[in-house]
Amino acid sequence: MKKNYEPKPLFIERMKLLLKKDFEKYQETLKKLPVKSIRVNTLKISPEKLKKRLENKDWKIFQPWKNYPEVMIVEGKINNKNKVKDKKRSDKKVEGSVSNKSGLVEGGGDGGGLTNLEPGELGRALEHILGYYYIQELASMLPIIALNPKENEKILDLCAAPGSKTTQIAAKMKNSGLIIANEINLGRIKILASNLERCGVINTIITRKEGRALCNKLKQLNFRFDKILLDAPCSGEGTLRSTPATYSMWNFKTIKRLSRIQKQLFETAFEILEIGGEIVYSTCTHAPEENEEVIDYVFEKFKGKISIEQISLPIKCRQGITQWDNVNYNKEVKKACRIYPEDNNTEGFFIAKFKKLK
């Protein structure tokens, strides 16, 4: 029997303060199952070829973001009797991006004649085993779109496991340059290594070290990176749709503890960034203590040495907030992107991009 988890009163109170009139819509969205999304591994196959292979399995595929054809939603399976009718409807549909009005990621058809994939079918498919695609939540793909990796760069993925973003970086770099993928937990390193191997990634070195210690060691060696991804460990408030157990694990003391760690990780990572280099800070939580407070802290810490960059993402973004719990943050935090489930039919995320000035 599926367990029903209840949100704690303090969590509800905080989300009401953040979302105000949108809180009820947020709650309704959390009750809905997340969409099944995948990212084409362009190191092994093109989006066009994979789409054709999956459609030959009677999977209905929708590409929600026009400029990122590697991002796909598997809407379900087409029943044979509806296959011809659905094909005609797809032929008439013009591929689009997220709705400009609502920001919601929606399928291309009306869903008629579709059945759900069997449990585990997405992971058992031959195309997945061969590394042709990675099962990845839509919002989870956005930090790398913001980072915009280029060929032959040196990139650090400081908290890399299980490898969704590392493999995404490698695909953008076309297996050139160098990625350092760091993870402290041995069990998670095994998963990371397995995913890198499955996806054919050959430009990556895996390190096992606490993030701050690794950055300090690299600083001693005078090793610098063109770009850094700090997808920081967080309280996971944005993952409630896929992981309802987060409700029971939620704890305000944990948020405060994680905020301290996130600030320290950013500090040490920034020290090994090349001048002119860029760092993307992301979390899958809504807590301002883990988001805007971290940005405000590093702005003060590296005053004159850091700028926050405007980012463009293919979904609806809300600005970072400038005040929380009677504390005012630097107004530059507005350039950050708050991603809410009710805005985009995704999980929740927070993304900010920085440049090292000197």
Protein backbone atom coordinates (compact mmCIF):
# COMPACT_ATOMS: atom_id res chain seq x y z
CA MET A 1 0.00 0.00 0.00
CA LYS A 2 1.30 3.44 -0.93
CA LYS A 3 2.14 5.50 2.14
CA ASN A 4 0.68 8.98 2.45
CA TYR A 5 3.15 11.52 3.78
CA GLU A 6 1.94 14.70 5.43
CA PRO A 7 3.85 18.00 5.25
CA LYS A 8 4.98 19.49 8.55
CA PRO A 9 3.21 22.70 9.67
CA LEU A 10 6.40 24.80 9.47
CA PHE A 11 7.01 23.65 5.90
CA ILE A 12 3.47 24.68 4.92
CA GLU A 13 3.88 28.03 6.64
CA ARG A 14 7.14 28.73 4.79
CA MET A 15 5.79 27.72 1.40
CA LYS A 16 2.73 29.93 1.91
CA LEU A 17 5.05 32.87 2.55
CA LEU A 18 7.05 32.07 -0.59
CA LEU A 19 4.15 31.41 -2.95
CA LYS A 20 1.32 33.49 -1.46
CA LYS A 21 -1.72 33.22 -3.78
CA ASP A 22 -0.10 30.35 -5.76
CA PHE A 23 0.19 28.04 -2.76
CA GLU A 24 -3.01 26.07 -3.46
CA LYS A 25 -1.98 25.53 -7.08
CA TYR A 26 1.41 24.32 -5.81
CA GLN A 27 -0.27 21.82 -3.50
CA GLU A 28 -2.47 20.49 -6.30
CA THR A 29 0.53 20.04 -8.59
CA LEU A 30 2.37 18.00 -5.95
CA LYS A 31 -0.46 15.45 -6.04
CA LYS A 32 0.16 14.75 -9.72
CA LEU A 33 2.70 12.24 -10.96
CA PRO A 34 5.71 13.82 -12.70
CA VAL A 35 6.12 13.40 -16.44
CA LYS A 36 8.46 10.70 -17.76
CA SER A 37 11.39 12.57 -19.26
CA ILE A 38 14.63 11.45 -20.87
CA ARG A 39 17.70 13.12 -22.35
CA VAL A 40 19.19 11.77 -25.56
CA ASN A 41 22.87 10.87 -25.15
CA THR A 42 24.23 12.58 -28.27
CA LEU A 43 27.60 10.86 -27.75
CA LYS A 44 25.94 7.72 -29.10
CA ILE A 45 22.89 8.69 -31.14
CA SER A 46 21.12 11.73 -32.58
CA PRO A 47 17.74 12.90 -31.25
CA GLU A 48 16.16 12.17 -34.65
CA LYS A 49 17.37 8.56 -34.73
CA LEU A 50 16.41 7.83 -31.15
CA LYS A 51 12.97 9.37 -31.59
CA LYS A 52 12.39 7.10 -34.58
CA ARG A 53 13.54 4.02 -32.64
CA LEU A 54 11.27 4.80 -29.70
CA GLU A 55 8.30 5.55 -31.95
CA ASN A 56 8.83 2.16 -33.57
CA LYS A 57 8.16 0.73 -30.09
CA ASP A 58 4.84 2.64 -30.17
CA TRP A 59 6.08 5.14 -27.61
CA LYS A 60 4.61 8.61 -28.01
CA ILE A 61 7.45 11.12 -27.83
CA PHE A 62 7.16 14.86 -27.29
CA GLN A 63 10.07 17.32 -27.49
CA PRO A 64 9.02 20.25 -25.26
CA TRP A 65 11.93 22.63 -25.85
CA LYS A 66 12.46 23.66 -29.47
CA ASN A 67 16.13 24.59 -29.06
CA TYR A 68 16.97 21.43 -27.13
CA PRO A 69 15.76 18.47 -29.24
CA GLU A 70 17.69 16.05 -27.01
CA VAL A 71 15.08 16.62 -24.28
CA MET A 72 12.11 14.29 -24.63
CA ILE A 73 8.95 13.38 -22.76
CA VAL A 74 7.58 9.85 -23.09
CA GLU A 75 3.85 10.42 -22.94
CA GLY A 76 2.86 6.76 -23.08
CA LYS A 77 2.25 3.94 -25.53
CA ILE A 78 0.01 4.27 -28.54
CA ASN A 79 -2.62 1.57 -28.80
CA ASN A 80 -2.48 -0.15 -32.18
CA LYS A 81 -6.03 0.79 -33.09
CA ASN A 82 -5.24 4.46 -32.49
CA LYS A 83 -1.79 4.41 -34.07
CA VAL A 84 -2.76 5.69 -37.52
CA LYS A 85 -5.04 8.39 -36.12
CA ASP A 86 -2.36 9.55 -33.68
CA LYS A 87 0.27 9.65 -36.44
CA LYS A 88 -1.89 12.02 -38.48
CA ARG A 89 -2.36 14.25 -35.46
CA SER A 90 1.42 14.32 -34.81
CA ASP A 91 2.15 15.17 -38.45
CA LYS A 92 -0.07 18.24 -38.19
CA LYS A 93 1.45 19.39 -34.90
CA VAL A 94 4.21 21.95 -35.08
CA GLU A 95 6.92 21.20 -32.55
CA GLY A 96 6.91 23.95 -29.93
CA SER A 97 8.41 24.90 -26.64
CA VAL A 98 6.90 25.52 -23.26
CA SER A 99 3.82 27.71 -23.29
CA ASN A 100 4.79 31.37 -22.92
CA LYS A 101 1.67 32.03 -20.86
CA SER A 102 1.66 29.21 -18.34
CA GLY A 103 5.19 27.84 -18.60
CA LEU A 104 3.76 24.34 -18.33
CA VAL A 105 5.50 21.46 -20.04
CA GLU A 106 2.71 19.68 -21.84
CA GLY A 107 2.46 16.91 -24.39
CA GLY A 108 1.84 17.46 -28.07
CA GLY A 109 -1.38 15.48 -28.37
CA ASP A 110 -4.57 15.11 -26.37
CA GLY A 111 -3.46 11.87 -24.75
CA GLY A 112 -6.27 9.89 -26.42
CA GLY A 113 -5.53 6.23 -27.10
CA LEU A 114 -2.44 6.20 -24.88
CA THR A 115 -1.57 3.70 -22.18
CA ASN A 116 1.11 4.06 -19.54
CA LEU A 117 4.46 2.40 -19.90
CA GLU A 118 4.83 -0.65 -17.68
CA PRO A 119 6.67 -0.09 -14.37
CA GLY A 120 10.39 -0.14 -15.08
CA GLU A 121 9.91 -0.26 -18.85
CA LEU A 122 11.82 2.99 -19.39
CA GLY A 123 14.86 1.59 -17.59
CA ARG A 124 14.67 -1.90 -19.10
CA ALA A 125 14.51 -0.72 -22.71
CA LEU A 126 17.43 -1.77 -24.91
CA GLU A 127 18.04 1.87 -25.85
CA HIS A 128 18.55 2.73 -22.20
CA ILE A 129 20.86 -0.22 -21.55
CA LEU A 130 22.93 0.78 -24.59
CA GLY A 131 23.28 4.30 -23.22
CA TYR A 132 21.25 6.00 -25.94
CA TYR A 133 19.35 8.00 -23.34
CA TYR A 134 19.49 8.98 -19.69
CA ILE A 135 16.34 9.03 -17.56
CA GLN A 136 16.46 12.53 -16.14
CA GLU A 137 13.91 14.91 -14.68
CA LEU A 138 13.34 18.00 -16.80
CA ALA A 139 14.38 20.60 -14.22
CA SER A 140 17.54 18.60 -13.50
CA MET A 141 18.72 19.27 -17.06
CA LEU A 142 18.56 23.04 -16.66
CA PRO A 143 21.76 23.71 -14.65
CA ILE A 144 23.85 22.38 -17.56
CA ILE A 145 21.87 24.45 -20.06
CA ALA A 146 22.79 27.44 -17.87
CA LEU A 147 26.44 26.33 -17.59
CA ASN A 148 26.70 25.93 -21.38
CA PRO A 149 29.79 23.66 -21.55
CA LYS A 150 32.02 24.02 -24.61
CA GLU A 151 34.46 21.65 -26.28
CA ASN A 152 37.98 21.41 -24.82
CA GLU A 153 37.12 23.19 -21.56
CA LYS A 154 38.18 22.06 -18.09
CA ILE A 155 35.07 21.56 -15.96
CA LEU A 156 34.56 20.49 -12.36
CA ASP A 157 31.37 18.73 -11.28
CA LEU A 158 31.86 19.00 -7.54
CA CYS A 159 28.96 16.80 -6.34
CA ALA A 160 28.62 14.53 -9.34
CA ALA A 161 26.77 11.28 -8.46
CA PRO A 162 24.70 9.68 -9.86
CA GLY A 163 26.00 11.25 -13.09
CA SER A 164 23.02 12.77 -14.86
CA LYS A 165 24.65 16.18 -15.13
CA THR A 166 28.17 14.80 -15.66
CA THR A 167 27.02 12.81 -18.69
CA GLN A 168 25.09 15.85 -19.91
CA ILE A 169 28.28 17.96 -19.66
CA ALA A 170 30.28 15.31 -21.52
CA ALA A 171 27.72 15.24 -24.34
CA LYS A 172 27.87 19.03 -24.68
CA MET A 173 31.68 18.83 -24.79
CA LYS A 174 31.56 15.98 -27.34
CA ASN A 175 33.89 13.96 -25.08
CA SER A 176 36.67 16.54 -25.46
CA GLY A 177 38.46 18.55 -22.80
CA LEU A 178 38.43 17.38 -19.19
CA ILE A 179 35.76 16.81 -16.54
CA ILE A 180 36.61 16.14 -12.91
CA ALA A 181 33.59 14.38 -11.39
CA ASN A 182 33.83 14.33 -7.61
CA GLU A 183 31.81 12.28 -5.14
CA ILE A 184 32.57 11.33 -1.54
CA ASN A 185 30.23 8.35 -1.11
CA LEU A 186 31.72 5.10 -2.41
CA GLY A 187 28.34 3.52 -3.17
CA ARG A 188 27.33 6.54 -5.23
CA ILE A 189 30.70 6.51 -7.00
CA LYS A 190 29.93 3.00 -8.26
CA ILE A 191 26.66 4.28 -9.73
CA LEU A 192 28.44 7.31 -11.22
CA ALA A 193 31.12 5.11 -12.83
CA SER A 194 28.47 2.76 -14.20
CA ASN A 195 26.51 5.62 -15.79
CA LEU A 196 29.63 7.16 -17.32
CA GLU A 197 30.58 3.80 -18.83
CA ARG A 198 27.05 3.13 -20.12
CA CYS A 199 26.94 6.54 -21.79
CA GLY A 200 30.39 6.19 -23.39
CA VAL A 201 31.97 9.10 -21.49
CA ILE A 202 35.77 9.08 -21.88
CA ASN A 203 36.85 12.61 -20.92
CA THR A 204 36.11 12.29 -17.19
CA ILE A 205 38.22 11.55 -14.11
CA ILE A 206 36.33 10.44 -11.00
CA THR A 207 37.67 11.66 -7.66
CA ARG A 208 36.57 10.63 -4.18
CA LYS A 209 37.10 13.43 -1.70
CA GLU A 210 35.08 15.78 0.45
CA GLY A 211 34.31 18.75 -1.80
CA ARG A 212 36.04 21.44 0.24
CA ALA A 213 39.14 19.30 0.73
CA LEU A 214 39.34 18.58 -3.00
CA CYS A 215 39.11 22.27 -3.90
CA ASN A 216 41.78 23.16 -1.35
CA LYS A 217 44.10 20.47 -2.72
CA LEU A 218 43.59 21.65 -6.31
CA LYS A 219 44.27 25.22 -5.18
CA GLN A 220 47.60 24.09 -3.73
CA LEU A 221 48.43 22.49 -7.08
CA ASN A 222 47.41 25.73 -8.86
CA PHE A 223 44.84 23.78 -10.93
CA ARG A 224 42.05 25.97 -12.31
CA PHE A 225 38.79 25.31 -14.16
CA ASP A 226 37.00 27.16 -16.96
CA LYS A 227 33.62 26.21 -15.49
CA ILE A 228 32.32 24.64 -12.30
CA LEU A 229 29.00 23.02 -11.49
CA LEU A 230 28.06 23.14 -7.82
CA ASP A 231 24.83 21.15 -7.70
CA ALA A 232 24.88 21.33 -3.94
CA PRO A 233 23.56 18.81 -1.41
CA CYS A 234 20.26 20.25 -0.20
CA SER A 235 17.04 19.58 1.69
CA GLY A 236 15.27 18.43 -1.50
CA GLU A 237 12.03 20.38 -1.13
CA GLY A 238 11.69 20.46 -4.91
CA THR A 239 11.56 16.66 -5.23
CA LEU A 240 8.31 16.05 -3.35
CA ARG A 241 6.45 14.79 -6.43
CA SER A 242 8.90 11.99 -7.12
CA THR A 243 10.05 11.45 -3.51
CA PRO A 244 7.14 12.11 -1.11
CA ALA A 245 9.23 10.67 1.75
CA THR A 246 11.01 14.04 1.76
CA TYR A 247 7.98 15.32 3.70
CA SER A 248 8.90 13.16 6.71
CA MET A 249 12.64 13.92 6.47
CA TRP A 250 12.13 17.69 6.24
CA ASN A 251 13.75 19.51 9.16
CA PHE A 252 14.56 23.20 9.60
CA LYS A 253 17.78 22.39 11.49
CA THR A 254 18.92 20.41 8.45
CA ILE A 255 18.27 23.42 6.23
CA LYS A 256 20.48 25.63 8.43
CA ARG A 257 23.22 22.98 8.54
CA LEU A 258 23.15 22.52 4.76
CA SER A 259 23.27 26.30 4.23
CA ARG A 260 26.60 26.43 6.08
CA ILE A 261 28.01 23.58 3.98
CA GLN A 262 26.80 25.15 0.73
CA LYS A 263 28.51 28.44 1.53
CA GLN A 264 31.77 26.66 2.32
CA LEU A 265 31.60 24.57 -0.85
CA PHE A 266 31.03 27.69 -2.96
CA GLU A 267 33.88 29.55 -1.26
CA THR A 268 36.44 26.83 -1.95
CA ALA A 269 35.17 26.15 -5.48
CA PHE A 270 35.34 29.82 -6.45
CA GLU A 271 39.03 29.88 -5.51
CA ILE A 272 39.89 27.35 -8.24
CA LEU A 273 37.91 29.07 -11.00
CA GLU A 274 39.84 30.81 -13.78
CA ILE A 275 39.43 34.58 -14.07
CA GLY A 276 36.59 35.00 -16.55
CA GLY A 277 35.38 31.50 -15.66
CA GLU A 278 31.80 30.67 -14.70
CA ILE A 279 30.20 28.71 -11.90
CA VAL A 280 26.59 27.50 -11.76
CA TYR A 281 25.11 27.00 -8.29
CA SER A 282 21.97 24.88 -8.17
CA THR A 283 19.78 23.10 -5.66
CA CYS A 284 16.55 21.11 -5.83
CA THR A 285 15.03 23.01 -2.93
CA HIS A 286 12.97 26.16 -2.38
CA ALA A 287 14.47 27.17 0.99
CA PRO A 288 15.90 30.72 0.76
CA GLU A 289 18.53 29.80 3.37
CA GLU A 290 19.99 27.36 0.83
CA ASN A 291 19.54 29.64 -2.17
CA GLU A 292 19.42 33.44 -1.94
CA GLU A 293 21.18 33.46 1.42
CA VAL A 294 24.11 31.56 -0.13
CA ILE A 295 24.25 34.01 -3.06
CA ASP A 296 24.12 37.00 -0.72
CA TYR A 297 26.93 35.51 1.37
CA VAL A 298 29.30 34.89 -1.56
CA PHE A 299 28.60 38.36 -2.95
CA GLU A 300 29.78 39.87 0.30
CA LYS A 301 32.69 37.43 0.60
CA PHE A 302 34.02 38.07 -2.92
CA LYS A 303 32.92 41.67 -3.35
CA GLY A 304 34.37 43.11 -6.56
CA LYS A 305 35.57 39.68 -7.71
CA ILE A 306 32.23 38.14 -8.70
CA SER A 307 29.16 38.97 -10.78
CA ILE A 308 25.88 37.14 -11.16
CA GLU A 309 24.91 36.53 -14.77
CA GLN A 310 21.47 36.68 -16.35
CA ILE A 311 20.45 33.22 -17.51
CA SER A 312 17.98 32.21 -20.20
CA LEU A 313 16.16 28.90 -19.73
CA PRO A 314 13.37 27.30 -21.81
CA ILE A 315 10.86 27.40 -18.95
CA LYS A 316 9.16 29.92 -16.70
CA CYS A 317 11.57 31.32 -14.12
CA ARG A 318 10.67 33.41 -11.12
CA GLN A 319 13.22 35.89 -9.82
CA GLY A 320 15.22 35.28 -6.70
CA ILE A 321 13.66 36.89 -3.63
CA THR A 322 15.36 39.87 -1.96
CA GLN A 323 13.89 39.51 1.53
CA TRP A 324 13.21 36.59 3.84
CA ASP A 325 12.70 36.25 7.58
CA ASN A 326 13.34 39.99 8.13
CA VAL A 327 16.68 39.77 6.29
CA ASN A 328 17.39 41.77 3.12
CA TYR A 329 19.51 40.18 0.39
CA ASN A 330 21.61 41.84 -2.29
CA LYS A 331 19.28 42.91 -5.11
CA GLU A 332 21.45 41.01 -7.61
CA VAL A 333 19.83 37.79 -6.37
CA LYS A 334 16.89 38.71 -8.63
CA LYS A 335 18.95 37.32 -11.54
CA ALA A 336 18.67 33.83 -10.08
CA CYS A 337 15.98 31.45 -11.32
CA ARG A 338 13.35 29.91 -9.04
CA ILE A 339 11.61 26.98 -10.71
CA TYR A 340 8.31 25.83 -9.21
CA PRO A 341 6.32 22.66 -10.03
CA GLU A 342 3.07 24.55 -10.66
CA ASP A 343 4.74 26.85 -13.20
CA ASN A 344 6.33 24.19 -15.40
CA ASN A 345 4.96 20.75 -14.49
CA THR A 346 8.48 19.82 -13.35
CA GLU A 347 10.21 19.32 -10.05
CA GLY A 348 11.36 22.40 -8.13
CA PHE A 349 14.84 23.87 -8.67
CA PHE A 350 16.98 26.93 -8.02
CA ILE A 351 19.74 28.04 -10.41
CA ALA A 352 22.19 30.93 -10.35
CA LYS A 353 25.20 31.61 -12.60
CA PHE A 354 28.30 33.59 -11.65
CA LYS A 355 31.43 34.92 -13.35
CA LYS A 356 34.83 35.44 -11.73
CA LEU A 357 35.97 38.98 -12.46
CA LYS A 358 39.46 38.99 -10.92
